Amino acid sequence: MLESPGGRFCVIFDPRAHGEFSRFHPRRRPCRPAPGLGDEFFLSVADALTCLEESPKQYPVYYREFRRLMTERFPYKIFFRINDDAVIVFRVLHAARDHTRELD
């Protein structure tokens, strides 16, 4: 697998993952969380995505060729695959959800 210039991978969201992630935005939710919590969530995901840009191979294959990264502060799993110099994010799921049904 090739890495992009500077040793970084390009992170691409599958349309389904993009839709899931955008639903979390505090302005789009009917019940607003505590002030600042939405921003903290987005920062937590952004930190995880930075890890994927820098070294996605450190996360082992978890399920059906998907790799998994857990966010730090919030119980969310990011499922992805590495394709040449790109990391493709397929799903962003709450840890309580059954990923086997969501990834099949």
Protein backbone atom coordinates (compact mmCIF):
# COMPACT_ATOMS: atom_id res chain seq x y z
CA MET A 1 0.00 0.00 0.00
CA LEU A 2 1.23 3.42 -0.84
CA GLU A 3 1.16 6.36 1.50
CA SER A 4 0.33 9.84 0.31
CA PRO A 5 3.02 12.54 0.16
CA GLY A 6 4.36 13.32 3.59
CA GLY A 7 3.40 9.86 4.81
CA ARG A 8 -0.23 10.81 5.42
CA PHE A 9 -3.29 8.98 4.20
CA CYS A 10 -6.33 10.69 2.72
CA VAL A 11 -9.49 10.04 4.78
CA ILE A 12 -12.65 9.66 2.69
CA PHE A 13 -16.15 9.22 4.08
CA ASP A 14 -18.45 6.74 2.41
CA PRO A 15 -21.82 8.51 1.80
CA ARG A 16 -23.51 6.40 4.48
CA ALA A 17 -20.87 7.27 7.08
CA HIS A 18 -21.04 10.92 6.09
CA GLY A 19 -24.80 10.91 6.69
CA GLU A 20 -24.38 9.24 10.08
CA PHE A 21 -21.68 11.66 11.14
CA SER A 22 -23.58 14.77 10.02
CA ARG A 23 -26.62 13.67 12.07
CA PHE A 24 -24.54 14.14 15.21
CA HIS A 25 -24.12 17.86 14.65
CA PRO A 26 -25.77 19.66 17.60
CA ARG A 27 -27.70 22.05 15.34
CA ARG A 28 -29.36 19.09 13.62
CA ARG A 29 -30.47 17.24 16.76
CA PRO A 30 -33.95 17.83 18.22
CA CYS A 31 -32.67 17.34 21.79
CA ARG A 32 -29.64 19.50 22.32
CA PRO A 33 -26.95 18.08 24.57
CA ALA A 34 -25.20 20.07 27.26
CA PRO A 35 -23.56 23.25 25.90
CA GLY A 36 -20.25 22.44 24.27
CA LEU A 37 -20.81 18.68 24.30
CA GLY A 38 -21.42 18.56 20.54
CA ASP A 39 -18.21 20.46 19.94
CA GLU A 40 -16.34 18.05 22.22
CA PHE A 41 -17.77 15.13 20.26
CA PHE A 42 -16.62 16.61 16.95
CA LEU A 43 -13.16 17.28 18.37
CA SER A 44 -12.97 13.68 19.59
CA VAL A 45 -13.85 12.40 16.12
CA ALA A 46 -11.43 14.87 14.52
CA ASP A 47 -8.64 13.54 16.75
CA ALA A 48 -9.51 9.99 15.68
CA LEU A 49 -9.47 11.00 12.01
CA THR A 50 -6.03 12.55 12.49
CA CYS A 51 -4.84 9.18 13.81
CA LEU A 52 -6.22 7.57 10.66
CA GLU A 53 -4.41 10.08 8.45
CA GLU A 54 -1.12 9.43 10.21
CA SER A 55 -1.07 5.69 10.85
CA PRO A 56 -4.19 3.68 10.00
CA LYS A 57 -2.25 0.41 9.77
CA GLN A 58 -1.77 0.36 13.54
CA TYR A 59 -5.41 -0.71 13.91
CA PRO A 60 -5.81 -4.43 13.17
CA VAL A 61 -8.53 -5.94 11.05
CA TYR A 62 -11.52 -6.28 13.34
CA TYR A 63 -14.44 -7.66 11.34
CA ARG A 64 -14.75 -8.70 7.66
CA GLU A 65 -11.73 -6.71 6.51
CA PHE A 66 -12.90 -3.63 8.44
CA ARG A 67 -10.57 -2.02 10.90
CA ARG A 68 -11.91 -0.21 13.93
CA LEU A 69 -10.91 2.87 15.87
CA MET A 70 -12.67 3.95 19.06
CA THR A 71 -13.06 7.63 19.86
CA GLU A 72 -11.41 8.75 23.07
CA ARG A 73 -14.12 10.53 25.06
CA PHE A 74 -17.30 9.17 23.51
CA PRO A 75 -18.38 5.54 22.96
CA TYR A 76 -18.23 5.55 19.15
CA LYS A 77 -16.56 3.15 16.76
CA ILE A 78 -15.20 4.25 13.40
CA PHE A 79 -15.06 1.37 10.91
CA PHE A 80 -12.72 1.82 7.96
CA ARG A 81 -10.65 0.11 5.31
CA ILE A 82 -7.33 1.07 3.79
CA ASN A 83 -7.26 1.31 0.01
CA ASP A 84 -3.81 2.24 -1.37
CA ASP A 85 -3.17 5.74 0.04
CA ALA A 86 -6.75 6.34 1.21
CA VAL A 87 -8.63 5.47 4.36
CA ILE A 88 -12.31 4.94 3.61
CA VAL A 89 -14.60 5.43 6.60
CA PHE A 90 -17.66 3.21 6.16
CA ARG A 91 -19.54 3.63 9.42
CA VAL A 92 -19.52 5.74 12.58
CA LEU A 93 -21.49 3.72 15.15
CA HIS A 94 -22.31 4.04 18.81
CA ALA A 95 -20.51 1.29 20.73
CA ALA A 96 -23.83 -0.21 21.85
CA ARG A 97 -25.00 -0.84 18.27
CA ASP A 98 -24.55 -4.23 16.68
CA HIS A 99 -21.83 -3.60 14.12
CA THR A 100 -22.26 -7.05 12.57
CA ARG A 101 -25.72 -6.08 11.30
CA GLU A 102 -24.58 -2.62 10.27
CA LEU A 103 -21.55 -3.81 8.29
CA ASP A 104 -23.12 -6.76 6.45
